Amino acid sequence: MTVGSGDTSTPANGTAAPHSPHAPFPPVVYVPCEPLREGDQDLTVEVRPTRDGRIALLVYSSLERLVDCCGPYQPWTEMPSTSLEDIRLTSGFNLVLLDLEVPDEFRRTESDL
């Protein structure tokens, strides 16, 4: 598992990335995480509530997409897509959203780290 944070950003425009519903799911995904705090031993993936009450896990097809969609201060981890079921069992998400752009007001800032 690789851990890091991005270093470039483009402005959010509030739209999801254009993906074909028939495109194959990437074999490796980049997953936003909570910032590590002093004493933390493990990463915690970030899940988000949806308007209809479900819990979503955002995943990104590349590090560039994660930084473009979440901003440069978003902590992340890289993992094989096959590990998402293990993450679901511990975090309880019931929806995976691929390459979703996060609006500026919901992005992490330098002070969050």
PDB file of N, CA and C in Angstrom:
ATOM      1  N   MET A   1       0.853  -1.172   0.000  1.00  0.00           N
ATOM      2  CA  MET A   1       0.000   0.000   0.000  1.00  0.00           C
ATOM      3  C   MET A   1       0.893   1.226   0.000  1.00  0.00           C
ATOM      4  N   THR A   2       0.599   2.182  -0.844  1.00  0.00           N
ATOM      5  CA  THR A   2       1.349   3.424  -0.932  1.00  0.00           C
ATOM      6  C   THR A   2       0.510   4.540  -0.332  1.00  0.00           C
ATOM      7  N   VAL A   3       1.155   5.451   0.368  1.00  0.00           N
ATOM      8  CA  VAL A   3       0.460   6.554   1.015  1.00  0.00           C
ATOM      9  C   VAL A   3       1.109   7.854   0.584  1.00  0.00           C
ATOM     10  N   GLY A   4       0.309   8.923   0.428  1.00  0.00           N
ATOM     11  CA  GLY A   4       0.888  10.207   0.063  1.00  0.00           C
ATOM     12  C   GLY A   4      -0.145  11.293   0.036  1.00  0.00           C
ATOM     13  N   SER A   5       0.268  12.430  -0.500  1.00  0.00           N
ATOM     14  CA  SER A   5      -0.657  13.531  -0.754  1.00  0.00           C
ATOM     15  C   SER A   5      -0.243  14.170  -2.064  1.00  0.00           C
ATOM     16  N   GLY A   6      -1.190  14.816  -2.732  1.00  0.00           N
ATOM     17  CA  GLY A   6      -0.935  15.373  -4.050  1.00  0.00           C
ATOM     18  C   GLY A   6      -0.114  16.639  -3.995  1.00  0.00           C
ATOM     19  N   ASP A   7       0.290  17.108  -5.195  1.00  0.00           N
ATOM     20  CA  ASP A   7       1.102  18.314  -5.234  1.00  0.00           C
ATOM     21  C   ASP A   7       0.679  19.309  -6.302  1.00  0.00           C
ATOM     22  N   THR A   8      -0.387  19.013  -7.050  1.00  0.00           N
ATOM     23  CA  THR A   8      -0.894  19.967  -8.030  1.00  0.00           C
ATOM     24  C   THR A   8      -2.406  19.977  -7.948  1.00  0.00           C
ATOM     25  N   SER A   9      -3.012  21.015  -8.514  1.00  0.00           N
ATOM     26  CA  SER A   9      -4.467  21.101  -8.447  1.00  0.00           C
ATOM     27  C   SER A   9      -4.994  21.909  -9.617  1.00  0.00           C
ATOM     28  N   THR A  10      -6.235  21.619  -9.992  1.00  0.00           N
ATOM     29  CA  THR A  10      -6.959  22.464 -10.926  1.00  0.00           C
ATOM     30  C   THR A  10      -8.282  22.815 -10.270  1.00  0.00           C
ATOM     31  N   PRO A  11      -8.886  23.933 -10.617  1.00  0.00           N
ATOM     32  CA  PRO A  11     -10.126  24.338  -9.968  1.00  0.00           C
ATOM     33  C   PRO A  11     -11.256  23.338 -10.203  1.00  0.00           C
ATOM     34  N   ALA A  12     -12.097  23.222  -9.199  1.00  0.00           N
ATOM     35  CA  ALA A  12     -13.270  22.353  -9.315  1.00  0.00           C
ATOM     36  C   ALA A  12     -14.318  23.048 -10.160  1.00  0.00           C
ATOM     37  N   ASN A  13     -15.027  22.269 -10.960  1.00  0.00           N
ATOM     38  CA  ASN A  13     -16.134  22.864 -11.700  1.00  0.00           C
ATOM     39  C   ASN A  13     -17.453  22.191 -11.351  1.00  0.00           C
ATOM     40  N   GLY A  14     -17.418  21.317 -10.326  1.00  0.00           N
ATOM     41  CA  GLY A  14     -18.641  20.717  -9.838  1.00  0.00           C
ATOM     42  C   GLY A  14     -19.184  19.593 -10.687  1.00  0.00           C
ATOM     43  N   THR A  15     -18.395  19.057 -11.610  1.00  0.00           N
ATOM     44  CA  THR A  15     -18.887  17.984 -12.458  1.00  0.00           C
ATOM     45  C   THR A  15     -18.097  16.714 -12.237  1.00  0.00           C
ATOM     46  N   ALA A  16     -18.717  15.600 -12.495  1.00  0.00           N
ATOM     47  CA  ALA A  16     -18.040  14.310 -12.413  1.00  0.00           C
ATOM     48  C   ALA A  16     -17.223  14.089 -13.677  1.00  0.00           C
ATOM     49  N   ALA A  17     -16.198  13.274 -13.555  1.00  0.00           N
ATOM     50  CA  ALA A  17     -15.352  12.954 -14.704  1.00  0.00           C
ATOM     51  C   ALA A  17     -16.149  12.154 -15.725  1.00  0.00           C
ATOM     52  N   PRO A  18     -15.890  12.378 -17.010  1.00  0.00           N
ATOM     53  CA  PRO A  18     -16.617  11.623 -18.032  1.00  0.00           C
ATOM     54  C   PRO A  18     -16.083  10.199 -18.143  1.00  0.00           C
ATOM     55  N   HIS A  19     -16.863   9.242 -17.695  1.00  0.00           N
ATOM     56  CA  HIS A  19     -16.490   7.836 -17.790  1.00  0.00           C
ATOM     57  C   HIS A  19     -17.615   7.079 -18.466  1.00  0.00           C
ATOM     58  N   SER A  20     -17.245   6.207 -19.341  1.00  0.00           N
ATOM     59  CA  SER A  20     -18.237   5.349 -19.969  1.00  0.00           C
ATOM     60  C   SER A  20     -18.725   4.337 -18.949  1.00  0.00           C
ATOM     61  N   PRO A  21     -20.031   4.065 -18.890  1.00  0.00           N
ATOM     62  CA  PRO A  21     -20.519   3.049 -17.955  1.00  0.00           C
ATOM     63  C   PRO A  21     -20.005   1.659 -18.305  1.00  0.00           C
ATOM     64  N   HIS A  22     -19.425   1.509 -19.487  1.00  0.00           N
ATOM     65  CA  HIS A  22     -18.924   0.205 -19.914  1.00  0.00           C
ATOM     66  C   HIS A  22     -17.406   0.109 -19.819  1.00  0.00           C
ATOM     67  N   ALA A  23     -16.749   1.171 -19.347  1.00  0.00           N
ATOM     68  CA  ALA A  23     -15.292   1.148 -19.204  1.00  0.00           C
ATOM     69  C   ALA A  23     -14.915   0.199 -18.067  1.00  0.00           C
ATOM     70  N   PRO A  24     -13.822  -0.537 -18.220  1.00  0.00           N
ATOM     71  CA  PRO A  24     -13.410  -1.443 -17.145  1.00  0.00           C
ATOM     72  C   PRO A  24     -12.968  -0.655 -15.913  1.00  0.00           C
ATOM     73  N   PHE A  25     -13.222  -1.229 -14.750  1.00  0.00           N
ATOM     74  CA  PHE A  25     -12.801  -0.602 -13.504  1.00  0.00           C
ATOM     75  C   PHE A  25     -11.287  -0.730 -13.410  1.00  0.00           C
ATOM     76  N   PRO A  26     -10.580   0.309 -12.964  1.00  0.00           N
ATOM     77  CA  PRO A  26      -9.118   0.235 -12.913  1.00  0.00           C
ATOM     78  C   PRO A  26      -8.641  -0.834 -11.928  1.00  0.00           C
ATOM     79  N   PRO A  27      -7.541  -1.508 -12.233  1.00  0.00           N
ATOM     80  CA  PRO A  27      -7.030  -2.554 -11.339  1.00  0.00           C
ATOM     81  C   PRO A  27      -6.444  -1.990 -10.047  1.00  0.00           C
ATOM     82  N   VAL A  28      -5.996  -0.732 -10.089  1.00  0.00           N
ATOM     83  CA  VAL A  28      -5.457  -0.044  -8.918  1.00  0.00           C
ATOM     84  C   VAL A  28      -6.204   1.272  -8.789  1.00  0.00           C
ATOM     85  N   VAL A  29      -6.578   1.628  -7.560  1.00  0.00           N
ATOM     86  CA  VAL A  29      -7.283   2.889  -7.325  1.00  0.00           C
ATOM     87  C   VAL A  29      -6.558   3.696  -6.254  1.00  0.00           C
ATOM     88  N   TYR A  30      -6.794   4.997  -6.291  1.00  0.00           N
ATOM     89  CA  TYR A  30      -6.259   5.931  -5.307  1.00  0.00           C
ATOM     90  C   TYR A  30      -7.444   6.373  -4.457  1.00  0.00           C
ATOM     91  N   VAL A  31      -7.312   6.198  -3.145  1.00  0.00           N
ATOM     92  CA  VAL A  31      -8.437   6.387  -2.236  1.00  0.00           C
ATOM     93  C   VAL A  31      -8.127   7.514  -1.248  1.00  0.00           C
ATOM     94  N   PRO A  32      -8.997   8.536  -1.154  1.00  0.00           N
ATOM     95  CA  PRO A  32      -8.804   9.587  -0.157  1.00  0.00           C
ATOM     96  C   PRO A  32      -8.857   9.016   1.258  1.00  0.00           C
ATOM     97  N   CYS A  33      -8.001   9.559   2.125  1.00  0.00           N
ATOM     98  CA  CYS A  33      -7.928   9.118   3.520  1.00  0.00           C
ATOM     99  C   CYS A  33      -8.067  10.312   4.453  1.00  0.00           C
ATOM    100  N   GLU A  34      -8.378  10.009   5.704  1.00  0.00           N
ATOM    101  CA  GLU A  34      -8.348  11.025   6.748  1.00  0.00           C
ATOM    102  C   GLU A  34      -6.886  11.390   6.996  1.00  0.00           C
ATOM    103  N   PRO A  35      -6.598  12.638   7.386  1.00  0.00           N
ATOM    104  CA  PRO A  35      -5.215  12.990   7.715  1.00  0.00           C
ATOM    105  C   PRO A  35      -4.717  12.163   8.902  1.00  0.00           C
ATOM    106  N   LEU A  36      -3.455  11.778   8.850  1.00  0.00           N
ATOM    107  CA  LEU A  36      -2.854  11.068   9.980  1.00  0.00           C
ATOM    108  C   LEU A  36      -2.634  12.047  11.120  1.00  0.00           C
ATOM    109  N   ARG A  37      -2.960  11.623  12.314  1.00  0.00           N
ATOM    110  CA  ARG A  37      -2.745  12.426  13.519  1.00  0.00           C
ATOM    111  C   ARG A  37      -1.654  11.769  14.351  1.00  0.00           C
ATOM    112  N   GLU A  38      -1.066  12.527  15.236  1.00  0.00           N
ATOM    113  CA  GLU A  38      -0.020  11.985  16.094  1.00  0.00           C
ATOM    114  C   GLU A  38      -0.539  10.747  16.822  1.00  0.00           C
ATOM    115  N   GLY A  39       0.217   9.681  16.754  1.00  0.00           N
ATOM    116  CA  GLY A  39      -0.167   8.437  17.415  1.00  0.00           C
ATOM    117  C   GLY A  39      -0.970   7.486  16.547  1.00  0.00           C
ATOM    118  N   ASP A  40      -1.428   7.933  15.381  1.00  0.00           N
ATOM    119  CA  ASP A  40      -2.177   7.039  14.488  1.00  0.00           C
ATOM    120  C   ASP A  40      -1.267   5.920  14.003  1.00  0.00           C
ATOM    121  N   GLN A  41      -1.785   4.711  14.024  1.00  0.00           N
ATOM    122  CA  GLN A  41      -1.055   3.557  13.519  1.00  0.00           C
ATOM    123  C   GLN A  41      -1.553   3.136  12.141  1.00  0.00           C
ATOM    124  N   ASP A  42      -2.815   3.398  11.859  1.00  0.00           N
ATOM    125  CA  ASP A  42      -3.431   2.958  10.612  1.00  0.00           C
ATOM    126  C   ASP A  42      -4.091   4.124   9.895  1.00  0.00           C
ATOM    127  N   LEU A  43      -4.197   3.979   8.588  1.00  0.00           N
ATOM    128  CA  LEU A  43      -4.944   4.932   7.780  1.00  0.00           C
ATOM    129  C   LEU A  43      -6.433   4.664   7.916  1.00  0.00           C
ATOM    130  N   THR A  44      -7.216   5.714   7.790  1.00  0.00           N
ATOM    131  CA  THR A  44      -8.669   5.586   7.746  1.00  0.00           C
ATOM    132  C   THR A  44      -9.133   6.158   6.417  1.00  0.00           C
ATOM    133  N   VAL A  45      -9.788   5.330   5.599  1.00  0.00           N
ATOM    134  CA  VAL A  45     -10.295   5.850   4.333  1.00  0.00           C
ATOM    135  C   VAL A  45     -11.447   6.801   4.622  1.00  0.00           C
ATOM    136  N   GLU A  46     -11.595   7.775   3.749  1.00  0.00           N
ATOM    137  CA  GLU A  46     -12.641   8.774   3.882  1.00  0.00           C
ATOM    138  C   GLU A  46     -13.900   8.280   3.183  1.00  0.00           C
ATOM    139  N   VAL A  47     -15.002   8.238   3.895  1.00  0.00           N
ATOM    140  CA  VAL A  47     -16.295   7.942   3.275  1.00  0.00           C
ATOM    141  C   VAL A  47     -17.152   9.192   3.413  1.00  0.00           C
ATOM    142  N   ARG A  48     -18.096   9.331   2.499  1.00  0.00           N
ATOM    143  CA  ARG A  48     -18.937  10.531   2.487  1.00  0.00           C
ATOM    144  C   ARG A  48     -20.406  10.146   2.373  1.00  0.00           C
ATOM    145  N   PRO A  49     -21.265  10.861   3.101  1.00  0.00           N
ATOM    146  CA  PRO A  49     -22.698  10.601   2.966  1.00  0.00           C
ATOM    147  C   PRO A  49     -23.211  11.181   1.652  1.00  0.00           C
ATOM    148  N   THR A  50     -24.169  10.501   1.046  1.00  0.00           N
ATOM    149  CA  THR A  50     -24.811  11.019  -0.160  1.00  0.00           C
ATOM    150  C   THR A  50     -26.131  11.676   0.233  1.00  0.00           C
ATOM    151  N   ARG A  51     -26.714  12.403  -0.682  1.00  0.00           N
ATOM    152  CA  ARG A  51     -27.991  13.079  -0.399  1.00  0.00           C
ATOM    153  C   ARG A  51     -29.101  12.100  -0.055  1.00  0.00           C
ATOM    154  N   ASP A  52     -29.008  10.885  -0.598  1.00  0.00           N
ATOM    155  CA  ASP A  52     -30.069   9.910  -0.333  1.00  0.00           C
ATOM    156  C   ASP A  52     -29.755   9.006   0.859  1.00  0.00           C
ATOM    157  N   GLY A  53     -28.733   9.358   1.643  1.00  0.00           N
ATOM    158  CA  GLY A  53     -28.454   8.644   2.879  1.00  0.00           C
ATOM    159  C   GLY A  53     -27.482   7.479   2.779  1.00  0.00           C
ATOM    160  N   ARG A  54     -26.992   7.196   1.579  1.00  0.00           N
ATOM    161  CA  ARG A  54     -26.008   6.122   1.457  1.00  0.00           C
ATOM    162  C   ARG A  54     -24.624   6.634   1.856  1.00  0.00           C
ATOM    163  N   ILE A  55     -23.710   5.702   2.055  1.00  0.00           N
ATOM    164  CA  ILE A  55     -22.327   6.035   2.390  1.00  0.00           C
ATOM    165  C   ILE A  55     -21.464   5.694   1.185  1.00  0.00           C
ATOM    166  N   ALA A  56     -20.751   6.692   0.655  1.00  0.00           N
ATOM    167  CA  ALA A  56     -19.957   6.517  -0.566  1.00  0.00           C
ATOM    168  C   ALA A  56     -18.465   6.515  -0.259  1.00  0.00           C
ATOM    169  N   LEU A  57     -17.758   5.665  -0.975  1.00  0.00           N
ATOM    170  CA  LEU A  57     -16.300   5.680  -0.997  1.00  0.00           C
ATOM    171  C   LEU A  57     -15.895   6.260  -2.339  1.00  0.00           C
ATOM    172  N   LEU A  58     -15.132   7.342  -2.306  1.00  0.00           N
ATOM    173  CA  LEU A  58     -14.628   7.932  -3.539  1.00  0.00           C
ATOM    174  C   LEU A  58     -13.309   7.256  -3.878  1.00  0.00           C
ATOM    175  N   VAL A  59     -13.151   6.860  -5.128  1.00  0.00           N
ATOM    176  CA  VAL A  59     -11.898   6.270  -5.600  1.00  0.00           C
ATOM    177  C   VAL A  59     -11.523   6.940  -6.913  1.00  0.00           C
ATOM    178  N   TYR A  60     -10.228   6.929  -7.205  1.00  0.00           N
ATOM    179  CA  TYR A  60      -9.724   7.630  -8.384  1.00  0.00           C
ATOM    180  C   TYR A  60      -8.843   6.714  -9.206  1.00  0.00           C
ATOM    181  N   SER A  61      -8.946   6.863 -10.511  1.00  0.00           N
ATOM    182  CA  SER A  61      -8.253   5.979 -11.447  1.00  0.00           C
ATOM    183  C   SER A  61      -6.772   6.306 -11.587  1.00  0.00           C
ATOM    184  N   SER A  62      -6.346   7.462 -11.106  1.00  0.00           N
ATOM    185  CA  SER A  62      -4.930   7.836 -11.144  1.00  0.00           C
ATOM    186  C   SER A  62      -4.680   8.873 -10.058  1.00  0.00           C
ATOM    187  N   LEU A  63      -3.424   9.035  -9.705  1.00  0.00           N
ATOM    188  CA  LEU A  63      -3.077  10.067  -8.729  1.00  0.00           C
ATOM    189  C   LEU A  63      -3.393  11.451  -9.287  1.00  0.00           C
ATOM    190  N   GLU A  64      -3.155  11.638 -10.565  1.00  0.00           N
ATOM    191  CA  GLU A  64      -3.473  12.920 -11.195  1.00  0.00           C
ATOM    192  C   GLU A  64      -4.964  13.234 -11.066  1.00  0.00           C
ATOM    193  N   ARG A  65      -5.820  12.249 -11.283  1.00  0.00           N
ATOM    194  CA  ARG A  65      -7.272  12.469 -11.147  1.00  0.00           C
ATOM    195  C   ARG A  65      -7.627  12.807  -9.703  1.00  0.00           C
ATOM    196  N   LEU A  66      -7.022  12.106  -8.731  1.00  0.00           N
ATOM    197  CA  LEU A  66      -7.315  12.391  -7.326  1.00  0.00           C
ATOM    198  C   LEU A  66      -6.959  13.837  -6.995  1.00  0.00           C
ATOM    199  N   VAL A  67      -5.782  14.284  -7.395  1.00  0.00           N
ATOM    200  CA  VAL A  67      -5.358  15.652  -7.097  1.00  0.00           C
ATOM    201  C   VAL A  67      -6.243  16.660  -7.829  1.00  0.00           C
ATOM    202  N   ASP A  68      -6.567  16.398  -9.089  1.00  0.00           N
ATOM    203  CA  ASP A  68      -7.449  17.296  -9.843  1.00  0.00           C
ATOM    204  C   ASP A  68      -8.831  17.395  -9.202  1.00  0.00           C
ATOM    205  N   CYS A  69      -9.336  16.287  -8.701  1.00  0.00           N
ATOM    206  CA  CYS A  69     -10.710  16.230  -8.193  1.00  0.00           C
ATOM    207  C   CYS A  69     -10.844  16.543  -6.706  1.00  0.00           C
ATOM    208  N   CYS A  70      -9.770  16.361  -5.927  1.00  0.00           N
ATOM    209  CA  CYS A  70      -9.838  16.546  -4.471  1.00  0.00           C
ATOM    210  C   CYS A  70      -8.942  17.658  -3.954  1.00  0.00           C
ATOM    211  N   GLY A  71      -7.991  18.098  -4.759  1.00  0.00           N
ATOM    212  CA  GLY A  71      -7.075  19.142  -4.335  1.00  0.00           C
ATOM    213  C   GLY A  71      -5.746  18.587  -3.843  1.00  0.00           C
ATOM    214  N   PRO A  72      -4.754  19.474  -3.706  1.00  0.00           N
ATOM    215  CA  PRO A  72      -3.393  19.045  -3.386  1.00  0.00           C
ATOM    216  C   PRO A  72      -3.178  18.636  -1.934  1.00  0.00           C
ATOM    217  N   TYR A  73      -4.133  18.907  -1.044  1.00  0.00           N
ATOM    218  CA  TYR A  73      -3.944  18.600   0.375  1.00  0.00           C
ATOM    219  C   TYR A  73      -4.668  17.334   0.813  1.00  0.00           C
ATOM    220  N   GLN A  74      -5.208  16.609  -0.139  1.00  0.00           N
ATOM    221  CA  GLN A  74      -5.950  15.392   0.191  1.00  0.00           C
ATOM    222  C   GLN A  74      -4.988  14.230   0.435  1.00  0.00           C
ATOM    223  N   PRO A  75      -4.927  13.700   1.667  1.00  0.00           N
ATOM    224  CA  PRO A  75      -4.148  12.480   1.889  1.00  0.00           C
ATOM    225  C   PRO A  75      -4.787  11.327   1.113  1.00  0.00           C
ATOM    226  N   TRP A  76      -3.981  10.348   0.743  1.00  0.00           N
ATOM    227  CA  TRP A  76      -4.490   9.260  -0.087  1.00  0.00           C
ATOM    228  C   TRP A  76      -3.690   7.996   0.165  1.00  0.00           C
ATOM    229  N   THR A  77      -4.246   6.906  -0.296  1.00  0.00           N
ATOM    230  CA  THR A  77      -3.538   5.641  -0.352  1.00  0.00           C
ATOM    231  C   THR A  77      -3.833   4.992  -1.693  1.00  0.00           C
ATOM    232  N   GLU A  78      -2.921   4.183  -2.134  1.00  0.00           N
ATOM    233  CA  GLU A  78      -3.087   3.423  -3.379  1.00  0.00           C
ATOM    234  C   GLU A  78      -3.339   1.976  -2.991  1.00  0.00           C
ATOM    235  N   MET A  79      -4.289   1.334  -3.672  1.00  0.00           N
ATOM    236  CA  MET A  79      -4.572  -0.071  -3.364  1.00  0.00           C
ATOM    237  C   MET A  79      -5.144  -0.778  -4.580  1.00  0.00           C
ATOM    238  N   PRO A  80      -4.999  -2.096  -4.615  1.00  0.00           N
ATOM    239  CA  PRO A  80      -5.643  -2.850  -5.694  1.00  0.00           C
ATOM    240  C   PRO A  80      -7.165  -2.767  -5.536  1.00  0.00           C
ATOM    241  N   SER A  81      -7.862  -2.703  -6.630  1.00  0.00           N
ATOM    242  CA  SER A  81      -9.330  -2.661  -6.588  1.00  0.00           C
ATOM    243  C   SER A  81      -9.903  -3.870  -5.867  1.00  0.00           C
ATOM    244  N   THR A  82      -9.188  -4.966  -5.916  1.00  0.00           N
ATOM    245  CA  THR A  82      -9.669  -6.178  -5.243  1.00  0.00           C
ATOM    246  C   THR A  82      -9.712  -6.015  -3.725  1.00  0.00           C
ATOM    247  N   SER A  83      -9.058  -4.999  -3.174  1.00  0.00           N
ATOM    248  CA  SER A  83      -9.072  -4.758  -1.725  1.00  0.00           C
ATOM    249  C   SER A  83     -10.287  -3.950  -1.272  1.00  0.00           C
ATOM    250  N   LEU A  84     -11.078  -3.440  -2.202  1.00  0.00           N
ATOM    251  CA  LEU A  84     -12.213  -2.594  -1.822  1.00  0.00           C
ATOM    252  C   LEU A  84     -13.234  -3.336  -0.971  1.00  0.00           C
ATOM    253  N   GLU A  85     -13.403  -4.615  -1.199  1.00  0.00           N
ATOM    254  CA  GLU A  85     -14.347  -5.383  -0.377  1.00  0.00           C
ATOM    255  C   GLU A  85     -13.881  -5.423   1.075  1.00  0.00           C
ATOM    256  N   ASP A  86     -12.593  -5.583   1.311  1.00  0.00           N
ATOM    257  CA  ASP A  86     -12.068  -5.556   2.683  1.00  0.00           C
ATOM    258  C   ASP A  86     -12.333  -4.198   3.330  1.00  0.00           C
ATOM    259  N   ILE A  87     -12.154  -3.136   2.572  1.00  0.00           N
ATOM    260  CA  ILE A  87     -12.416  -1.785   3.078  1.00  0.00           C
ATOM    261  C   ILE A  87     -13.907  -1.616   3.373  1.00  0.00           C
ATOM    262  N   ARG A  88     -14.753  -2.159   2.513  1.00  0.00           N
ATOM    263  CA  ARG A  88     -16.206  -2.062   2.740  1.00  0.00           C
ATOM    264  C   ARG A  88     -16.591  -2.717   4.062  1.00  0.00           C
ATOM    265  N   LEU A  89     -15.985  -3.840   4.364  1.00  0.00           N
ATOM    266  CA  LEU A  89     -16.322  -4.551   5.599  1.00  0.00           C
ATOM    267  C   LEU A  89     -15.957  -3.754   6.844  1.00  0.00           C
ATOM    268  N   THR A  90     -14.905  -2.938   6.770  1.00  0.00           N
ATOM    269  CA  THR A  90     -14.501  -2.158   7.942  1.00  0.00           C
ATOM    270  C   THR A  90     -15.110  -0.761   7.974  1.00  0.00           C
ATOM    271  N   SER A  91     -15.390  -0.169   6.814  1.00  0.00           N
ATOM    272  CA  SER A  91     -15.886   1.210   6.797  1.00  0.00           C
ATOM    273  C   SER A  91     -17.391   1.313   6.573  1.00  0.00           C
ATOM    274  N   GLY A  92     -17.996   0.274   6.032  1.00  0.00           N
ATOM    275  CA  GLY A  92     -19.442   0.264   5.862  1.00  0.00           C
ATOM    276  C   GLY A  92     -19.982   1.006   4.653  1.00  0.00           C
ATOM    277  N   PHE A  93     -19.140   1.389   3.696  1.00  0.00           N
ATOM    278  CA  PHE A  93     -19.677   2.083   2.525  1.00  0.00           C
ATOM    279  C   PHE A  93     -20.551   1.126   1.711  1.00  0.00           C
ATOM    280  N   ASN A  94     -21.527   1.696   0.992  1.00  0.00           N
ATOM    281  CA  ASN A  94     -22.384   0.870   0.142  1.00  0.00           C
ATOM    282  C   ASN A  94     -22.463   1.392  -1.286  1.00  0.00           C
ATOM    283  N   LEU A  95     -21.532   2.278  -1.629  1.00  0.00           N
ATOM    284  CA  LEU A  95     -21.499   2.860  -2.963  1.00  0.00           C
ATOM    285  C   LEU A  95     -20.062   3.289  -3.254  1.00  0.00           C
ATOM    286  N   VAL A  96     -19.566   2.975  -4.441  1.00  0.00           N
ATOM    287  CA  VAL A  96     -18.242   3.425  -4.875  1.00  0.00           C
ATOM    288  C   VAL A  96     -18.444   4.415  -6.014  1.00  0.00           C
ATOM    289  N   LEU A  97     -17.826   5.585  -5.892  1.00  0.00           N
ATOM    290  CA  LEU A  97     -17.907   6.611  -6.931  1.00  0.00           C
ATOM    291  C   LEU A  97     -16.511   6.817  -7.500  1.00  0.00           C
ATOM    292  N   LEU A  98     -16.376   6.670  -8.807  1.00  0.00           N
ATOM    293  CA  LEU A  98     -15.088   6.749  -9.486  1.00  0.00           C
ATOM    294  C   LEU A  98     -14.862   8.134 -10.084  1.00  0.00           C
ATOM    295  N   ASP A  99     -13.732   8.747  -9.729  1.00  0.00           N
ATOM    296  CA  ASP A  99     -13.276  10.009 -10.314  1.00  0.00           C
ATOM    297  C   ASP A  99     -14.282  11.149 -10.157  1.00  0.00           C
ATOM    298  N   LEU A 100     -14.927  11.218  -9.019  1.00  0.00           N
ATOM    299  CA  LEU A 100     -15.897  12.281  -8.742  1.00  0.00           C
ATOM    300  C   LEU A 100     -15.173  13.544  -8.289  1.00  0.00           C
ATOM    301  N   GLU A 101     -15.509  14.669  -8.885  1.00  0.00           N
ATOM    302  CA  GLU A 101     -14.906  15.940  -8.499  1.00  0.00           C
ATOM    303  C   GLU A 101     -15.562  16.456  -7.223  1.00  0.00           C
ATOM    304  N   VAL A 102     -14.736  16.777  -6.233  1.00  0.00           N
ATOM    305  CA  VAL A 102     -15.211  17.277  -4.946  1.00  0.00           C
ATOM    306  C   VAL A 102     -15.268  18.805  -5.019  1.00  0.00           C
ATOM    307  N   PRO A 103     -16.415  19.406  -4.700  1.00  0.00           N
ATOM    308  CA  PRO A 103     -16.507  20.872  -4.724  1.00  0.00           C
ATOM    309  C   PRO A 103     -15.486  21.502  -3.766  1.00  0.00           C
ATOM    310  N   ASP A 104     -15.022  22.685  -4.105  1.00  0.00           N
ATOM    311  CA  ASP A 104     -13.993  23.373  -3.311  1.00  0.00           C
ATOM    312  C   ASP A 104     -14.327  23.423  -1.824  1.00  0.00           C
ATOM    313  N   GLU A 105     -15.580  23.680  -1.491  1.00  0.00           N
ATOM    314  CA  GLU A 105     -15.939  23.849  -0.077  1.00  0.00           C
ATOM    315  C   GLU A 105     -15.819  22.552   0.732  1.00  0.00           C
ATOM    316  N   PHE A 106     -15.702  21.416   0.067  1.00  0.00           N
ATOM    317  CA  PHE A 106     -15.562  20.139   0.765  1.00  0.00           C
ATOM    318  C   PHE A 106     -14.149  19.559   0.666  1.00  0.00           C
ATOM    319  N   ARG A 107     -13.242  20.301   0.062  1.00  0.00           N
ATOM    320  CA  ARG A 107     -11.864  19.819  -0.090  1.00  0.00           C
ATOM    321  C   ARG A 107     -11.041  20.102   1.164  1.00  0.00           C
ATOM    322  N   ARG A 108     -10.043  19.284   1.381  1.00  0.00           N
ATOM    323  CA  ARG A 108      -9.098  19.503   2.476  1.00  0.00           C
ATOM    324  C   ARG A 108      -8.231  20.715   2.149  1.00  0.00           C
ATOM    325  N   THR A 109      -7.807  21.398   3.212  1.00  0.00           N
ATOM    326  CA  THR A 109      -6.901  22.533   3.070  1.00  0.00           C
ATOM    327  C   THR A 109      -5.606  22.219   3.811  1.00  0.00           C
ATOM    328  N   GLU A 110      -4.617  23.055   3.631  1.00  0.00           N
ATOM    329  CA  GLU A 110      -3.329  22.840   4.297  1.00  0.00           C
ATOM    330  C   GLU A 110      -3.502  22.776   5.810  1.00  0.00           C
ATOM    331  N   SER A 111      -4.416  23.556   6.363  1.00  0.00           N
ATOM    332  CA  SER A 111      -4.621  23.565   7.818  1.00  0.00           C
ATOM    333  C   SER A 111      -5.248  22.270   8.332  1.00  0.00           C
ATOM    334  N   ASP A 112      -5.833  21.469   7.448  1.00  0.00           N
ATOM    335  CA  ASP A 112      -6.410  20.182   7.855  1.00  0.00           C
ATOM    336  C   ASP A 112      -5.339  19.132   8.137  1.00  0.00           C
ATOM    337  N   LEU A 113      -4.140  19.362   7.622  1.00  0.00           N
ATOM    338  CA  LEU A 113      -3.096  18.339   7.725  1.00  0.00           C
ATOM    339  C   LEU A 113      -2.334  18.399   9.004  1.00  0.00           C
TER     340      LEU A 113
END
